[in-house]
Amino acid sequence: MKKKKETKIEVTGNSIGAGSADTLQISTKADLCAFITDVRDKLLKEEAAPIFAMAAMNQVMSLDAIYDLLDKENKEILQEIWVKLSQSGFHLRKPPLLFGDADGAVAP
């Protein structure tokens, strides 16, 4: 029986690399900015599938310190990724974390 290869998203400088575990190591606003800028650029240049960006968004928004790491620039980049994902066919609600409480609501 073959072992499944595990992947790791790790921020080193301005690039995303593959490793051996499912962890995202972001501890500063600069780390977050570098990571999401890389994701956005790959998504916009169609170098990465939208599902890659969706997985990255899930990891980022699940970080324990996400409220501390978000600043205006990081929030705008994440919003841009979210809009691109919506345009690519994902049926998504706008998360209150990025778009405020009113925009996250579903119309009756």
N, C-alpha and C. Protein backbone atom coordinates (compact mmCIF):
# COMPACT_ATOMS: atom_id res chain seq x y z
N MET A 1 0.84 -1.17 0.00
CA MET A 1 0.00 0.00 0.00
C MET A 1 0.89 1.25 0.00
N LYS A 2 0.56 2.21 -0.87
CA LYS A 2 1.34 3.44 -0.97
C LYS A 2 0.90 4.43 0.09
N LYS A 3 1.86 5.19 0.61
CA LYS A 3 1.55 6.26 1.56
C LYS A 3 1.09 7.48 0.78
N LYS A 4 0.11 8.19 1.34
CA LYS A 4 -0.31 9.44 0.73
C LYS A 4 0.74 10.51 1.03
N LYS A 5 1.00 11.32 0.05
CA LYS A 5 1.95 12.40 0.24
C LYS A 5 1.23 13.57 0.92
N GLU A 6 1.78 14.04 2.02
CA GLU A 6 1.19 15.16 2.73
C GLU A 6 1.80 16.45 2.20
N THR A 7 1.01 17.52 2.24
CA THR A 7 1.52 18.80 1.77
C THR A 7 1.51 19.83 2.88
N LYS A 8 2.37 20.79 2.75
CA LYS A 8 2.50 21.86 3.73
C LYS A 8 2.57 23.18 2.99
N ILE A 9 1.77 24.12 3.42
CA ILE A 9 1.86 25.46 2.86
C ILE A 9 2.69 26.25 3.84
N GLU A 10 3.81 26.73 3.38
CA GLU A 10 4.73 27.43 4.27
C GLU A 10 5.17 28.72 3.61
N VAL A 11 5.14 29.79 4.34
CA VAL A 11 5.56 31.07 3.81
C VAL A 11 7.04 31.24 4.09
N THR A 12 7.82 31.39 3.02
CA THR A 12 9.25 31.67 3.16
C THR A 12 9.56 32.80 2.19
N GLY A 13 9.75 33.97 2.73
CA GLY A 13 9.94 35.13 1.85
C GLY A 13 8.62 35.46 1.18
N ASN A 14 8.59 35.41 -0.14
CA ASN A 14 7.39 35.72 -0.89
C ASN A 14 6.88 34.52 -1.68
N SER A 15 7.22 33.31 -1.26
CA SER A 15 6.80 32.17 -2.05
C SER A 15 6.11 31.12 -1.21
N ILE A 16 5.40 30.25 -1.87
CA ILE A 16 4.70 29.16 -1.23
C ILE A 16 5.43 27.88 -1.62
N GLY A 17 5.76 27.06 -0.64
CA GLY A 17 6.48 25.83 -0.93
C GLY A 17 5.73 24.62 -0.42
N ALA A 18 6.07 23.45 -0.92
CA ALA A 18 5.46 22.21 -0.47
C ALA A 18 6.39 21.55 0.53
N GLY A 19 5.80 20.95 1.54
CA GLY A 19 6.58 20.30 2.58
C GLY A 19 5.92 19.01 3.02
N SER A 20 5.87 18.76 4.34
CA SER A 20 5.42 17.45 4.79
C SER A 20 4.25 17.44 5.75
N ALA A 21 3.63 18.56 6.09
CA ALA A 21 2.49 18.56 7.00
C ALA A 21 1.50 19.64 6.61
N ASP A 22 0.27 19.54 7.09
CA ASP A 22 -0.77 20.50 6.75
C ASP A 22 -0.77 21.67 7.73
N THR A 23 0.16 22.58 7.62
CA THR A 23 0.21 23.73 8.51
C THR A 23 0.50 24.98 7.71
N LEU A 24 0.01 26.08 8.21
CA LEU A 24 0.27 27.38 7.63
C LEU A 24 0.97 28.20 8.70
N GLN A 25 2.19 28.62 8.42
CA GLN A 25 2.98 29.31 9.41
C GLN A 25 3.04 30.80 9.09
N ILE A 26 2.11 31.54 9.67
CA ILE A 26 2.05 32.98 9.48
C ILE A 26 1.97 33.60 10.87
N SER A 27 2.91 34.49 11.18
CA SER A 27 2.91 35.08 12.51
C SER A 27 2.88 36.61 12.50
N THR A 28 3.08 37.22 11.33
CA THR A 28 3.07 38.68 11.26
C THR A 28 2.19 39.15 10.10
N LYS A 29 1.86 40.42 10.13
CA LYS A 29 1.08 41.01 9.04
C LYS A 29 1.84 40.93 7.72
N ALA A 30 3.14 41.07 7.79
CA ALA A 30 3.97 40.98 6.58
C ALA A 30 3.95 39.57 6.00
N ASP A 31 3.99 38.55 6.87
CA ASP A 31 3.89 37.16 6.41
C ASP A 31 2.56 36.93 5.71
N LEU A 32 1.49 37.42 6.33
CA LEU A 32 0.16 37.25 5.75
C LEU A 32 0.08 37.96 4.41
N CYS A 33 0.58 39.18 4.34
CA CYS A 33 0.55 39.94 3.10
C CYS A 33 1.32 39.21 1.99
N ALA A 34 2.48 38.70 2.30
CA ALA A 34 3.28 37.98 1.31
C ALA A 34 2.55 36.75 0.81
N PHE A 35 1.95 36.00 1.72
CA PHE A 35 1.25 34.77 1.35
C PHE A 35 0.03 35.07 0.48
N ILE A 36 -0.83 35.97 0.93
CA ILE A 36 -2.07 36.22 0.17
C ILE A 36 -1.80 36.95 -1.14
N THR A 37 -0.74 37.76 -1.18
CA THR A 37 -0.37 38.41 -2.45
C THR A 37 0.06 37.36 -3.46
N ASP A 38 0.82 36.37 -3.00
CA ASP A 38 1.24 35.28 -3.88
C ASP A 38 0.02 34.49 -4.38
N VAL A 39 -0.91 34.20 -3.48
CA VAL A 39 -2.13 33.48 -3.86
C VAL A 39 -2.91 34.29 -4.89
N ARG A 40 -3.11 35.58 -4.60
CA ARG A 40 -3.86 36.44 -5.52
C ARG A 40 -3.21 36.51 -6.89
N ASP A 41 -1.90 36.70 -6.91
CA ASP A 41 -1.20 36.81 -8.19
C ASP A 41 -1.32 35.52 -9.01
N LYS A 42 -1.16 34.38 -8.35
CA LYS A 42 -1.30 33.11 -9.06
C LYS A 42 -2.72 32.90 -9.56
N LEU A 43 -3.70 33.33 -8.78
CA LEU A 43 -5.09 33.19 -9.18
C LEU A 43 -5.40 34.10 -10.37
N LEU A 44 -4.95 35.33 -10.32
CA LEU A 44 -5.23 36.29 -11.40
C LEU A 44 -4.51 35.94 -12.69
N LYS A 45 -3.30 35.36 -12.57
CA LYS A 45 -2.53 34.97 -13.76
C LYS A 45 -2.92 33.57 -14.25
N GLU A 46 -3.89 32.96 -13.54
CA GLU A 46 -4.35 31.61 -13.85
C GLU A 46 -3.22 30.58 -13.80
N GLU A 47 -2.28 30.80 -12.90
CA GLU A 47 -1.20 29.85 -12.65
C GLU A 47 -1.61 28.81 -11.61
N ALA A 48 -2.71 29.08 -10.91
CA ALA A 48 -3.21 28.15 -9.90
C ALA A 48 -4.72 28.03 -10.07
N ALA A 49 -5.22 26.86 -9.78
CA ALA A 49 -6.66 26.62 -9.86
C ALA A 49 -7.38 27.37 -8.75
N PRO A 50 -8.62 27.80 -9.02
CA PRO A 50 -9.38 28.49 -7.97
C PRO A 50 -9.51 27.68 -6.68
N ILE A 51 -9.54 26.36 -6.78
CA ILE A 51 -9.66 25.55 -5.57
C ILE A 51 -8.43 25.70 -4.68
N PHE A 52 -7.25 25.95 -5.28
CA PHE A 52 -6.04 26.24 -4.51
C PHE A 52 -6.25 27.50 -3.68
N ALA A 53 -6.78 28.55 -4.32
CA ALA A 53 -7.01 29.81 -3.62
C ALA A 53 -8.08 29.64 -2.54
N MET A 54 -9.09 28.82 -2.82
CA MET A 54 -10.13 28.57 -1.83
C MET A 54 -9.55 27.87 -0.61
N ALA A 55 -8.69 26.89 -0.83
CA ALA A 55 -8.04 26.20 0.28
C ALA A 55 -7.15 27.15 1.07
N ALA A 56 -6.45 28.02 0.37
CA ALA A 56 -5.60 29.01 1.04
C ALA A 56 -6.44 29.97 1.88
N MET A 57 -7.58 30.40 1.33
CA MET A 57 -8.48 31.30 2.07
C MET A 57 -8.99 30.61 3.33
N ASN A 58 -9.33 29.34 3.21
CA ASN A 58 -9.82 28.59 4.37
C ASN A 58 -8.75 28.54 5.45
N GLN A 59 -7.51 28.27 5.06
CA GLN A 59 -6.41 28.22 6.02
C GLN A 59 -6.19 29.59 6.68
N VAL A 60 -6.19 30.64 5.87
CA VAL A 60 -5.93 31.99 6.39
C VAL A 60 -7.04 32.41 7.36
N MET A 61 -8.28 32.19 6.96
CA MET A 61 -9.39 32.65 7.80
C MET A 61 -9.56 31.79 9.05
N SER A 62 -8.88 30.65 9.11
CA SER A 62 -8.92 29.79 10.29
C SER A 62 -7.77 30.05 11.26
N LEU A 63 -6.88 30.96 10.91
CA LEU A 63 -5.76 31.27 11.80
C LEU A 63 -6.28 31.84 13.12
N ASP A 64 -5.65 31.44 14.21
CA ASP A 64 -6.06 31.91 15.54
C ASP A 64 -5.94 33.43 15.67
N ALA A 65 -4.92 34.00 15.06
CA ALA A 65 -4.65 35.43 15.21
C ALA A 65 -5.12 36.26 14.01
N ILE A 66 -6.10 35.76 13.26
CA ILE A 66 -6.50 36.46 12.03
C ILE A 66 -6.96 37.89 12.30
N TYR A 67 -7.65 38.13 13.40
CA TYR A 67 -8.11 39.49 13.69
C TYR A 67 -6.94 40.43 13.96
N ASP A 68 -5.87 39.92 14.52
CA ASP A 68 -4.69 40.73 14.78
C ASP A 68 -3.87 40.96 13.51
N LEU A 69 -3.93 40.01 12.57
CA LEU A 69 -3.13 40.08 11.35
C LEU A 69 -3.77 40.90 10.24
N LEU A 70 -5.07 41.12 10.34
CA LEU A 70 -5.74 41.88 9.28
C LEU A 70 -5.51 43.37 9.44
N ASP A 71 -5.02 43.98 8.41
CA ASP A 71 -4.96 45.42 8.33
C ASP A 71 -5.68 45.80 7.04
N LYS A 72 -5.73 47.06 6.72
CA LYS A 72 -6.49 47.51 5.54
C LYS A 72 -5.99 46.84 4.26
N GLU A 73 -4.68 46.80 4.07
CA GLU A 73 -4.11 46.23 2.85
C GLU A 73 -4.41 44.73 2.74
N ASN A 74 -4.20 44.00 3.83
CA ASN A 74 -4.46 42.56 3.81
C ASN A 74 -5.94 42.26 3.56
N LYS A 75 -6.79 43.06 4.16
CA LYS A 75 -8.23 42.88 3.98
C LYS A 75 -8.63 43.10 2.52
N GLU A 76 -8.06 44.12 1.89
CA GLU A 76 -8.37 44.41 0.48
C GLU A 76 -7.89 43.27 -0.44
N ILE A 77 -6.74 42.70 -0.15
CA ILE A 77 -6.23 41.59 -0.96
C ILE A 77 -7.14 40.38 -0.80
N LEU A 78 -7.53 40.08 0.43
CA LEU A 78 -8.43 38.96 0.68
C LEU A 78 -9.79 39.17 0.02
N GLN A 79 -10.29 40.40 0.03
CA GLN A 79 -11.55 40.70 -0.64
C GLN A 79 -11.43 40.48 -2.15
N GLU A 80 -10.30 40.88 -2.71
CA GLU A 80 -10.07 40.69 -4.14
C GLU A 80 -10.05 39.20 -4.50
N ILE A 81 -9.40 38.39 -3.67
CA ILE A 81 -9.38 36.95 -3.89
C ILE A 81 -10.80 36.40 -3.80
N TRP A 82 -11.55 36.84 -2.81
CA TRP A 82 -12.91 36.35 -2.60
C TRP A 82 -13.80 36.66 -3.80
N VAL A 83 -13.69 37.87 -4.33
CA VAL A 83 -14.49 38.25 -5.50
C VAL A 83 -14.11 37.40 -6.70
N LYS A 84 -12.82 37.18 -6.91
CA LYS A 84 -12.36 36.35 -8.03
C LYS A 84 -12.87 34.92 -7.88
N LEU A 85 -12.89 34.39 -6.66
CA LEU A 85 -13.41 33.05 -6.43
C LEU A 85 -14.90 32.99 -6.75
N SER A 86 -15.63 34.02 -6.36
CA SER A 86 -17.06 34.07 -6.67
C SER A 86 -17.29 34.10 -8.17
N GLN A 87 -16.46 34.84 -8.88
CA GLN A 87 -16.59 34.95 -10.34
C GLN A 87 -16.20 33.65 -11.04
N SER A 88 -15.40 32.83 -10.38
CA SER A 88 -14.94 31.60 -11.01
C SER A 88 -15.95 30.46 -10.86
N GLY A 89 -17.04 30.71 -10.15
CA GLY A 89 -18.09 29.70 -10.06
C GLY A 89 -18.38 29.18 -8.67
N PHE A 90 -17.60 29.53 -7.68
CA PHE A 90 -17.90 29.12 -6.31
C PHE A 90 -19.12 29.91 -5.83
N HIS A 91 -20.04 29.24 -5.18
CA HIS A 91 -21.20 29.90 -4.58
C HIS A 91 -20.86 30.21 -3.13
N LEU A 92 -20.52 31.45 -2.88
CA LEU A 92 -20.00 31.86 -1.58
C LEU A 92 -20.80 32.99 -0.98
N ARG A 93 -20.91 32.97 0.33
CA ARG A 93 -21.44 34.12 1.06
C ARG A 93 -20.24 35.00 1.43
N LYS A 94 -20.47 36.28 1.44
CA LYS A 94 -19.39 37.19 1.83
C LYS A 94 -19.17 37.06 3.34
N PRO A 95 -17.94 36.74 3.75
CA PRO A 95 -17.70 36.58 5.19
C PRO A 95 -17.70 37.93 5.90
N PRO A 96 -18.38 38.01 7.03
CA PRO A 96 -18.41 39.27 7.80
C PRO A 96 -17.01 39.77 8.16
N LEU A 97 -16.06 38.87 8.33
CA LEU A 97 -14.69 39.24 8.64
C LEU A 97 -14.11 40.19 7.59
N LEU A 98 -14.49 39.98 6.33
CA LEU A 98 -13.94 40.77 5.23
C LEU A 98 -14.88 41.87 4.74
N PHE A 99 -16.18 41.61 4.79
CA PHE A 99 -17.12 42.52 4.16
C PHE A 99 -18.10 43.18 5.12
N GLY A 100 -18.00 42.93 6.40
CA GLY A 100 -18.92 43.49 7.38
C GLY A 100 -20.12 42.58 7.58
N ASP A 101 -20.88 42.85 8.64
CA ASP A 101 -22.00 41.98 9.01
C ASP A 101 -23.15 41.99 8.01
N ALA A 102 -23.51 43.14 7.51
CA ALA A 102 -24.69 43.24 6.63
C ALA A 102 -24.50 42.49 5.33
N ASP A 103 -23.28 42.50 4.75
CA ASP A 103 -23.06 41.86 3.47
C ASP A 103 -23.01 40.34 3.57
N GLY A 104 -22.82 39.80 4.73
CA GLY A 104 -22.72 38.36 4.90
C GLY A 104 -24.08 37.68 5.01
N ALA A 105 -25.12 38.48 5.18
CA ALA A 105 -26.45 37.92 5.37
C ALA A 105 -27.00 37.39 4.04
N VAL A 106 -27.81 36.35 4.16
CA VAL A 106 -28.47 35.78 3.00
C VAL A 106 -29.86 36.37 2.89
N ALA A 107 -30.23 36.83 1.70
CA ALA A 107 -31.55 37.42 1.51
C ALA A 107 -32.62 36.34 1.61
N PRO A 108 -33.79 36.66 2.20
CA PRO A 108 -34.86 35.67 2.34
C PRO A 108 -35.45 35.26 1.02
